[in-house]
C-alpha atoms as a PDB file:
ATOM      1  CA  MET A   1       0.005  -0.025  -0.101  1.00  0.00           C
ATOM      2  CA  ARG A   2       2.822   2.288   0.864  1.00  0.00           C
ATOM      3  CA  ALA A   3       4.595   1.680  -2.365  1.00  0.00           C
ATOM      4  CA  LYS A   4       1.293   2.253  -4.303  1.00  0.00           C
ATOM      5  CA  ALA A   5       0.787   5.453  -2.542  1.00  0.00           C
ATOM      6  CA  THR A   6       4.350   6.582  -3.446  1.00  0.00           C
ATOM      7  CA  ARG A   7       3.959   5.815  -7.060  1.00  0.00           C
ATOM      8  CA  LYS A   8       0.733   7.991  -7.174  1.00  0.00           C
ATOM      9  CA  VAL A   9       2.584  10.813  -5.378  1.00  0.00           C
ATOM     10  CA  THR A  10       5.409  10.423  -7.885  1.00  0.00           C
ATOM     11  CA  ALA A  11       3.150  10.535 -10.747  1.00  0.00           C
ATOM     12  CA  GLY A  12       1.401  13.401  -9.552  1.00  0.00           C
ATOM     13  CA  ALA A  13       4.309  15.636  -9.061  1.00  0.00           C
ATOM     14  CA  ALA A  14       5.577  14.563 -12.635  1.00  0.00           C
ATOM     15  CA  THR A  15       2.189  15.806 -14.044  1.00  0.00           C
ATOM     16  CA  THR A  16       2.460  19.166 -12.032  1.00  0.00           C
ATOM     17  CA  ALA A  17       6.008  19.606 -13.174  1.00  0.00           C
ATOM     18  CA  SER A  18       4.847  18.832 -16.940  1.00  0.00           C
ATOM     19  CA  ARG A  19       2.112  21.407 -16.595  1.00  0.00           C
ATOM     20  CA  ALA A  20       4.454  23.983 -15.216  1.00  0.00           C
ATOM     21  CA  SER A  21       7.185  23.248 -17.997  1.00  0.00           C
ATOM     22  CA  THR A  22       4.336  23.700 -20.650  1.00  0.00           C
ATOM     23  CA  GLU A  23       3.079  26.918 -19.154  1.00  0.00           C
ATOM     24  CA  ALA A  24       6.610  28.246 -19.190  1.00  0.00           C
ATOM     25  CA  GLN A  25       6.883  27.418 -22.540  1.00  0.00           C
ATOM     26  CA  VAL A  26       3.724  29.151 -23.602  1.00  0.00           C
ATOM     27  CA  GLN A  27       4.863  32.336 -21.882  1.00  0.00           C
ATOM     28  CA  ALA A  28       8.173  32.182 -23.747  1.00  0.00           C
ATOM     29  CA  ALA A  29       6.474  31.531 -26.777  1.00  0.00           C
ATOM     30  CA  LEU A  30       4.047  34.595 -26.185  1.00  0.00           C
ATOM     31  CA  ALA A  31       6.935  36.744 -25.343  1.00  0.00           C
ATOM     32  CA  SER A  32       8.727  35.822 -28.495  1.00  0.00           C
ATOM     33  CA  LEU A  33       5.806  36.574 -30.430  1.00  0.00           C
ATOM     34  CA  LYS A  34       5.311  40.083 -28.899  1.00  0.00           C
ATOM     35  CA  ARG A  35       8.896  40.902 -29.796  1.00  0.00           C
ATOM     36  CA  ARG A  36       8.125  40.223 -33.519  1.00  0.00           C
ATOM     37  CA  ALA A  37       4.848  42.213 -33.426  1.00  0.00           C
ATOM     38  CA  THR A  38       4.521  45.388 -35.390  1.00  0.00           C
ATOM     39  CA  LYS A  39       1.875  47.997 -35.429  1.00  0.00           C
ATOM     40  CA  HIS A  40       1.809  47.909 -39.244  1.00  0.00           C
ATOM     41  CA  THR A  41       1.074  44.100 -39.242  1.00  0.00           C
ATOM     42  CA  LEU A  42      -1.684  44.496 -36.728  1.00  0.00           C
ATOM     43  CA  GLU A  43      -3.363  47.339 -38.485  1.00  0.00           C
ATOM     44  CA  GLY A  44      -3.124  45.453 -41.751  1.00  0.00           C
ATOM     45  CA  MET A  45      -5.015  42.423 -40.674  1.00  0.00           C
ATOM     46  CA  ALA A  46      -8.354  44.384 -41.219  1.00  0.00           C
ATOM     47  CA  ARG A  47      -7.598  44.362 -44.859  1.00  0.00           C
ATOM     48  CA  TYR A  48      -7.634  40.656 -45.056  1.00  0.00           C
ATOM     49  CA  ALA A  49     -10.734  40.186 -42.754  1.00  0.00           C
ATOM     50  CA  ILE A  50      -8.881  38.899 -39.911  1.00  0.00           C
ATOM     51  CA  PRO A  51     -10.126  40.205 -36.463  1.00  0.00           C
ATOM     52  CA  SER A  52      -7.214  41.830 -34.439  1.00  0.00           C
ATOM     53  CA  ASP A  53      -8.869  42.348 -31.103  1.00  0.00           C
ATOM     54  CA  HIS A  54      -7.022  39.302 -29.735  1.00  0.00           C
ATOM     55  CA  ALA A  55      -3.901  39.680 -31.915  1.00  0.00           C
ATOM     56  CA  TYR A  56      -0.137  41.049 -31.551  1.00  0.00           C
ATOM     57  CA  GLY A  57       0.389  41.830 -35.231  1.00  0.00           C
ATOM     58  CA  VAL A  58       3.215  39.199 -36.113  1.00  0.00           C
ATOM     59  CA  ALA A  59       3.806  38.281 -39.732  1.00  0.00           C
ATOM     60  CA  MET A  60       2.982  34.611 -40.838  1.00  0.00           C
ATOM     61  CA  ARG A  61       6.787  34.226 -41.698  1.00  0.00           C
ATOM     62  CA  ASP A  62       7.722  34.942 -38.240  1.00  0.00           C
ATOM     63  CA  ILE A  63       5.180  32.680 -36.799  1.00  0.00           C
ATOM     64  CA  LYS A  64       6.405  29.845 -39.086  1.00  0.00           C
ATOM     65  CA  ALA A  65       9.924  30.465 -38.153  1.00  0.00           C
ATOM     66  CA  LEU A  66       9.256  30.287 -34.488  1.00  0.00           C
ATOM     67  CA  GLY A  67       7.184  27.078 -35.005  1.00  0.00           C
ATOM     68  CA  LYS A  68      10.251  25.555 -36.684  1.00  0.00           C
ATOM     69  CA  THR A  69      12.396  26.465 -33.826  1.00  0.00           C
ATOM     70  CA  LEU A  70       9.952  25.025 -31.270  1.00  0.00           C
ATOM     71  CA  GLY A  71       9.395  21.805 -33.151  1.00  0.00           C
ATOM     72  CA  ARG A  72       6.495  19.244 -32.624  1.00  0.00           C
ATOM     73  CA  ASP A  73       5.022  19.523 -29.084  1.00  0.00           C
ATOM     74  CA  HIS A  74       1.292  18.593 -28.928  1.00  0.00           C
ATOM     75  CA  ALA A  75       0.821  19.485 -25.333  1.00  0.00           C
ATOM     76  CA  LEU A  76       2.342  22.881 -25.963  1.00  0.00           C
ATOM     77  CA  ALA A  77       0.030  23.541 -29.090  1.00  0.00           C
ATOM     78  CA  SER A  78      -2.908  22.474 -26.914  1.00  0.00           C
ATOM     79  CA  ALA A  79      -1.902  25.094 -24.470  1.00  0.00           C
ATOM     80  CA  LEU A  80      -1.142  27.676 -27.181  1.00  0.00           C
ATOM     81  CA  TRP A  81      -4.599  27.511 -28.581  1.00  0.00           C
ATOM     82  CA  ALA A  82      -6.068  27.962 -25.119  1.00  0.00           C
ATOM     83  CA  THR A  83      -4.612  31.285 -24.809  1.00  0.00           C
ATOM     84  CA  GLY A  84      -7.096  32.698 -27.451  1.00  0.00           C
ATOM     85  CA  VAL A  85      -4.246  34.725 -28.886  1.00  0.00           C
ATOM     86  CA  TYR A  86      -4.349  34.734 -32.560  1.00  0.00           C
ATOM     87  CA  GLU A  87      -0.691  34.248 -33.411  1.00  0.00           C
ATOM     88  CA  ALA A  88      -0.471  31.653 -30.624  1.00  0.00           C
ATOM     89  CA  ARG A  89      -3.239  29.830 -32.324  1.00  0.00           C
ATOM     90  CA  MET A  90      -1.645  30.063 -35.734  1.00  0.00           C
ATOM     91  CA  LEU A  91       1.679  28.850 -34.114  1.00  0.00           C
ATOM     92  CA  ALA A  92      -0.292  25.761 -32.840  1.00  0.00           C
ATOM     93  CA  SER A  93      -0.656  24.797 -36.364  1.00  0.00           C
ATOM     94  CA  PHE A  94       2.889  24.397 -36.650  1.00  0.00           C
ATOM     95  CA  VAL A  95       3.840  22.707 -33.328  1.00  0.00           C
ATOM     96  CA  ALA A  96       0.695  20.266 -33.020  1.00  0.00           C
ATOM     97  CA  ASP A  97       1.528  16.788 -33.869  1.00  0.00           C
ATOM     98  CA  PRO A  98      -1.160  15.484 -36.321  1.00  0.00           C
ATOM     99  CA  GLY A  99      -0.540  11.820 -35.038  1.00  0.00           C
ATOM    100  CA  GLN A 100      -1.995  12.913 -31.699  1.00  0.00           C
ATOM    101  CA  LEU A 101      -4.810  14.875 -32.800  1.00  0.00           C
ATOM    102  CA  THR A 102      -8.110  13.094 -32.052  1.00  0.00           C
ATOM    103  CA  PRO A 103     -11.482  13.972 -33.834  1.00  0.00           C
ATOM    104  CA  GLU A 104     -12.834  15.532 -30.789  1.00  0.00           C
ATOM    105  CA  GLN A 105      -9.873  17.891 -30.575  1.00  0.00           C
ATOM    106  CA  MET A 106     -10.125  18.770 -34.473  1.00  0.00           C
ATOM    107  CA  ASP A 107     -13.800  19.433 -33.844  1.00  0.00           C
ATOM    108  CA  GLY A 108     -13.153  21.523 -30.793  1.00  0.00           C
ATOM    109  CA  TRP A 109     -10.746  23.762 -32.576  1.00  0.00           C
ATOM    110  CA  CYS A 110     -12.763  23.947 -35.765  1.00  0.00           C
ATOM    111  CA  SER A 111     -15.744  25.181 -33.643  1.00  0.00           C
ATOM    112  CA  ASP A 112     -13.486  27.991 -32.343  1.00  0.00           C
ATOM    113  CA  PHE A 113     -12.722  29.315 -35.779  1.00  0.00           C
ATOM    114  CA  ASP A 114     -13.840  32.815 -36.248  1.00  0.00           C
ATOM    115  CA  ASN A 115     -11.762  33.671 -39.598  1.00  0.00           C
ATOM    116  CA  TRP A 116     -10.636  32.320 -42.802  1.00  0.00           C
ATOM    117  CA  ALA A 117      -7.053  32.348 -41.727  1.00  0.00           C
ATOM    118  CA  TYR A 118      -7.548  29.674 -39.101  1.00  0.00           C
ATOM    119  CA  CYS A 119      -9.380  27.478 -41.462  1.00  0.00           C
ATOM    120  CA  ASP A 120      -6.598  27.530 -43.992  1.00  0.00           C
ATOM    121  CA  ALA A 121      -3.584  27.515 -41.789  1.00  0.00           C
ATOM    122  CA  MET A 122      -4.856  24.442 -39.802  1.00  0.00           C
ATOM    123  CA  SER A 123      -6.042  22.801 -42.832  1.00  0.00           C
ATOM    124  CA  PHE A 124      -2.630  23.277 -44.790  1.00  0.00           C
ATOM    125  CA  ASN A 125      -0.200  23.050 -41.841  1.00  0.00           C
ATOM    126  CA  LEU A 126      -1.850  20.161 -39.562  1.00  0.00           C
ATOM    127  CA  PHE A 127      -5.173  18.752 -40.237  1.00  0.00           C
ATOM    128  CA  ASP A 128      -4.516  17.512 -43.773  1.00  0.00           C
ATOM    129  CA  ARG A 129      -1.617  15.032 -42.082  1.00  0.00           C
ATOM    130  CA  SER A 130      -4.282  13.740 -39.593  1.00  0.00           C
ATOM    131  CA  PRO A 131      -5.584  10.197 -40.100  1.00  0.00           C
ATOM    132  CA  HIS A 132      -9.102  11.644 -39.598  1.00  0.00           C
ATOM    133  CA  ALA A 133      -8.664  14.403 -42.273  1.00  0.00           C
ATOM    134  CA  TRP A 134     -11.063  12.606 -44.970  1.00  0.00           C
ATOM    135  CA  ALA A 135     -13.865  11.984 -42.281  1.00  0.00           C
ATOM    136  CA  LYS A 136     -13.764  15.503 -41.365  1.00  0.00           C
ATOM    137  CA  VAL A 137     -14.060  16.773 -44.895  1.00  0.00           C
ATOM    138  CA  ALA A 138     -17.232  15.079 -45.186  1.00  0.00           C
ATOM    139  CA  GLU A 139     -18.526  15.846 -41.758  1.00  0.00           C
ATOM    140  CA  TRP A 140     -17.742  19.516 -41.817  1.00  0.00           C
ATOM    141  CA  SER A 141     -18.914  20.093 -45.221  1.00  0.00           C
ATOM    142  CA  ALA A 142     -22.679  19.684 -43.974  1.00  0.00           C
ATOM    143  CA  ARG A 143     -22.028  22.141 -41.107  1.00  0.00           C
ATOM    144  CA  ARG A 144     -23.978  25.341 -41.072  1.00  0.00           C
ATOM    145  CA  ASN A 145     -21.381  27.642 -39.586  1.00  0.00           C
ATOM    146  CA  GLU A 146     -19.516  29.510 -42.083  1.00  0.00           C
ATOM    147  CA  PHE A 147     -15.945  28.721 -41.042  1.00  0.00           C
ATOM    148  CA  GLU A 148     -16.502  25.190 -40.059  1.00  0.00           C
ATOM    149  CA  LYS A 149     -17.872  24.636 -43.571  1.00  0.00           C
ATOM    150  CA  ARG A 150     -14.981  26.464 -45.171  1.00  0.00           C
ATOM    151  CA  THR A 151     -12.502  24.452 -43.285  1.00  0.00           C
ATOM    152  CA  ALA A 152     -14.245  21.386 -45.041  1.00  0.00           C
ATOM    153  CA  PHE A 153     -13.210  22.689 -48.287  1.00  0.00           C
ATOM    154  CA  ALA A 154      -9.917  24.223 -47.310  1.00  0.00           C
ATOM    155  CA  LEU A 155      -8.936  20.723 -45.978  1.00  0.00           C
ATOM    156  CA  LEU A 156     -10.040  19.067 -49.527  1.00  0.00           C
ATOM    157  CA  TRP A 157      -8.034  21.724 -51.260  1.00  0.00           C
ATOM    158  CA  SER A 158      -5.036  21.124 -49.155  1.00  0.00           C
ATOM    159  CA  LEU A 159      -5.444  17.205 -49.587  1.00  0.00           C
ATOM    160  CA  SER A 160      -5.433  17.541 -53.256  1.00  0.00           C
ATOM    161  CA  THR A 161      -2.133  19.115 -52.925  1.00  0.00           C
ATOM    162  CA  HIS A 162      -0.441  17.269 -50.073  1.00  0.00           C
ATOM    163  CA  ASP A 163      -2.023  13.780 -49.926  1.00  0.00           C
ATOM    164  CA  LYS A 164      -0.023  11.792 -52.464  1.00  0.00           C
ATOM    165  CA  ARG A 165      -1.369   8.344 -51.406  1.00  0.00           C
ATOM    166  CA  ALA A 166      -5.038   8.851 -51.721  1.00  0.00           C
ATOM    167  CA  GLY A 167      -6.778   7.389 -54.784  1.00  0.00           C
ATOM    168  CA  ASP A 168      -8.973   9.165 -57.247  1.00  0.00           C
ATOM    169  CA  GLU A 169     -12.241   7.805 -55.534  1.00  0.00           C
ATOM    170  CA  ALA A 170     -11.610   9.979 -52.587  1.00  0.00           C
ATOM    171  CA  PHE A 171     -11.326  12.878 -54.514  1.00  0.00           C
ATOM    172  CA  LEU A 172     -14.425  12.015 -56.637  1.00  0.00           C
ATOM    173  CA  HIS A 173     -16.461  11.914 -53.489  1.00  0.00           C
ATOM    174  CA  GLY A 174     -14.983  15.449 -52.700  1.00  0.00           C
ATOM    175  CA  LEU A 175     -16.215  16.717 -56.038  1.00  0.00           C
ATOM    176  CA  ALA A 176     -19.773  15.343 -55.015  1.00  0.00           C
ATOM    177  CA  LEU A 177     -19.398  17.382 -51.828  1.00  0.00           C
ATOM    178  CA  ILE A 178     -18.407  20.545 -53.959  1.00  0.00           C
ATOM    179  CA  GLU A 179     -21.246  20.104 -56.222  1.00  0.00           C
ATOM    180  CA  ARG A 180     -23.704  19.823 -53.215  1.00  0.00           C
ATOM    181  CA  GLU A 181     -22.382  22.906 -51.553  1.00  0.00           C
ATOM    182  CA  ALA A 182     -21.667  25.115 -54.183  1.00  0.00           C
ATOM    183  CA  GLY A 183     -24.831  27.212 -53.820  1.00  0.00           C
ATOM    184  CA  ASP A 184     -23.892  28.677 -50.523  1.00  0.00           C
ATOM    185  CA  GLY A 185     -23.100  32.239 -51.269  1.00  0.00           C
ATOM    186  CA  ARG A 186     -21.380  33.302 -48.160  1.00  0.00           C
ATOM    187  CA  ASN A 187     -17.960  34.689 -49.216  1.00  0.00           C
ATOM    188  CA  PHE A 188     -15.567  32.330 -47.226  1.00  0.00           C
ATOM    189  CA  VAL A 189     -17.379  29.353 -48.033  1.00  0.00           C
ATOM    190  CA  LYS A 190     -17.805  29.761 -51.798  1.00  0.00           C
ATOM    191  CA  LYS A 191     -14.197  30.679 -52.214  1.00  0.00           C
ATOM    192  CA  ALA A 192     -13.064  27.606 -50.502  1.00  0.00           C
ATOM    193  CA  VAL A 193     -15.273  25.621 -52.475  1.00  0.00           C
ATOM    194  CA  ASN A 194     -14.029  27.231 -55.739  1.00  0.00           C
ATOM    195  CA  MET A 195     -10.510  26.496 -54.586  1.00  0.00           C
ATOM    196  CA  ALA A 196     -11.067  23.016 -53.786  1.00  0.00           C
ATOM    197  CA  LEU A 197     -12.663  22.414 -57.349  1.00  0.00           C
ATOM    198  CA  ARG A 198      -9.651  23.787 -58.937  1.00  0.00           C
ATOM    199  CA  ALA A 199      -7.257  21.960 -56.956  1.00  0.00           C
ATOM    200  CA  VAL A 200      -8.883  18.535 -57.469  1.00  0.00           C
ATOM    201  CA  GLY A 201      -8.953  19.301 -61.118  1.00  0.00           C
ATOM    202  CA  LYS A 202      -5.213  19.832 -61.236  1.00  0.00           C
ATOM    203  CA  ARG A 203      -4.418  16.586 -59.651  1.00  0.00           C
ATOM    204  CA  ASN A 204      -4.366  14.191 -62.665  1.00  0.00           C
ATOM    205  CA  ARG A 205      -6.116  14.042 -66.068  1.00  0.00           C
ATOM    206  CA  ALA A 206      -8.777  11.559 -64.782  1.00  0.00           C
ATOM    207  CA  LEU A 207      -9.870  13.936 -62.139  1.00  0.00           C
ATOM    208  CA  ASN A 208      -9.456  17.025 -64.447  1.00  0.00           C
ATOM    209  CA  VAL A 209     -12.028  15.556 -66.626  1.00  0.00           C
ATOM    210  CA  ALA A 210     -14.408  14.797 -63.669  1.00  0.00           C
ATOM    211  CA  ALA A 211     -13.938  18.396 -62.099  1.00  0.00           C
ATOM    212  CA  VAL A 212     -14.437  20.113 -65.664  1.00  0.00           C
ATOM    213  CA  ALA A 213     -17.960  18.071 -65.903  1.00  0.00           C
ATOM    214  CA  VAL A 214     -18.855  19.287 -62.336  1.00  0.00           C
ATOM    215  CA  ALA A 215     -17.709  22.907 -63.198  1.00  0.00           C
ATOM    216  CA  ARG A 216     -19.769  23.006 -66.389  1.00  0.00           C
ATOM    217  CA  ARG A 217     -22.908  21.899 -64.487  1.00  0.00           C
ATOM    218  CA  LEU A 218     -22.271  24.590 -61.783  1.00  0.00           C
ATOM    219  CA  ALA A 219     -21.747  27.090 -64.593  1.00  0.00           C
ATOM    220  CA  ALA A 220     -25.118  26.505 -65.904  1.00  0.00           C
ATOM    221  CA  SER A 221     -26.741  26.769 -62.595  1.00  0.00           C
ATOM    222  CA  THR A 222     -29.608  29.225 -61.784  1.00  0.00           C
ATOM    223  CA  GLU A 223     -27.782  29.849 -58.312  1.00  0.00           C
ATOM    224  CA  PRO A 224     -25.421  32.823 -58.441  1.00  0.00           C
ATOM    225  CA  ALA A 225     -22.905  31.210 -56.119  1.00  0.00           C
ATOM    226  CA  ALA A 226     -22.644  27.997 -57.918  1.00  0.00           C
ATOM    227  CA  ARG A 227     -22.576  29.668 -61.235  1.00  0.00           C
ATOM    228  CA  TRP A 228     -19.496  31.731 -60.094  1.00  0.00           C
ATOM    229  CA  VAL A 229     -17.904  28.674 -58.614  1.00  0.00           C
ATOM    230  CA  GLY A 230     -18.067  26.735 -61.870  1.00  0.00           C
ATOM    231  CA  SER A 231     -17.381  29.492 -64.256  1.00  0.00           C
ATOM    232  CA  ASP A 232     -14.217  30.701 -62.460  1.00  0.00           C
ATOM    233  CA  ALA A 233     -12.934  27.129 -62.035  1.00  0.00           C
ATOM    234  CA  LEU A 234     -13.688  26.088 -65.512  1.00  0.00           C
ATOM    235  CA  ARG A 235     -11.505  29.055 -66.930  1.00  0.00           C
ATOM    236  CA  GLU A 236      -8.547  27.604 -65.083  1.00  0.00           C
ATOM    237  CA  LEU A 237      -9.154  23.910 -65.470  1.00  0.00           C
ATOM    238  CA  THR A 238      -9.496  24.149 -69.217  1.00  0.00           C
ATOM    239  CA  GLY A 239      -6.949  26.606 -69.718  1.00  0.00           C
ATOM    240  CA  PRO A 240      -3.698  26.048 -71.661  1.00  0.00           C
ATOM    241  CA  GLY A 241      -1.324  26.021 -68.366  1.00  0.00           C
ATOM    242  CA  VAL A 242      -3.350  23.144 -66.557  1.00  0.00           C
ATOM    243  CA  THR A 243      -3.740  21.203 -69.912  1.00  0.00           C
ATOM    244  CA  LYS A 244       0.108  21.415 -70.681  1.00  0.00           C
ATOM    245  CA  ARG A 245       0.803  20.575 -67.139  1.00  0.00           C
ATOM    246  CA  LEU A 246      -1.220  17.533 -66.872  1.00  0.00           C
ATOM    247  CA  GLU A 247      -0.175  16.139 -70.284  1.00  0.00           C
ATOM    248  CA  GLY A 248       3.483  16.482 -69.105  1.00  0.00           C
ATOM    249  CA  ARG A 249       2.843  14.687 -65.859  1.00  0.00           C
ATOM    250  CA  ALA A 250       1.012  11.946 -67.752  1.00  0.00           C
ATOM    251  CA  ARG A 251       4.003  11.446 -69.828  1.00  0.00           C
ATOM    252  CA  THR A 252       6.160  10.914 -66.818  1.00  0.00           C
ATOM    253  CA  THR A 253       3.967   8.372 -65.306  1.00  0.00           C
END
């Protein structure tokens, strides 16, 4: 009994020490971010529709550089997110370990998103490396909240670029989600839907054919948002730049 009690005390002390260490790292990271902040960057956030009331004004290149210095530390990333500071949350996208992300944590963070930059940074820096990424594309695409829905299509966009192992079937399902949701006229949703459609259509020739077919149907839609998504994507996906690139890629495979 005495040995068991000793082990509990030791484990409790280790947990306390770990929390103290993480908190110290958070404070050090916040101090480092503050040193990199500028008034110009803070004031410029409004031009990109990013709220600045919980921000310092740090350029993304400096946040990324700090993330590289810190390396992967999932406990630190979770603590950074909990601060609510814009730059600390963006830093979490570089520090979190995608292998330790749970579906619940992804849902929790996604529900906190209140601007497009969170959606895109988390998708491109972190979420697309999670084993839960594809499930979340499908799940979040049906959400009503503007930024949760944007994240679904930002994540599909990112997977189109970064997931080299996924087969065409996953992206064909993504195209079905795009067609289903293209009528959403909210600015940050329709732009992500458009980018996802263009990204899928640039992945390979077969997906280009499928994406062009979707884009043509959307371009003929009576819904303004769907019509814009389709028409805009069609210009790029049938243009000489994409056509030449896909032909070159086909010759090398």
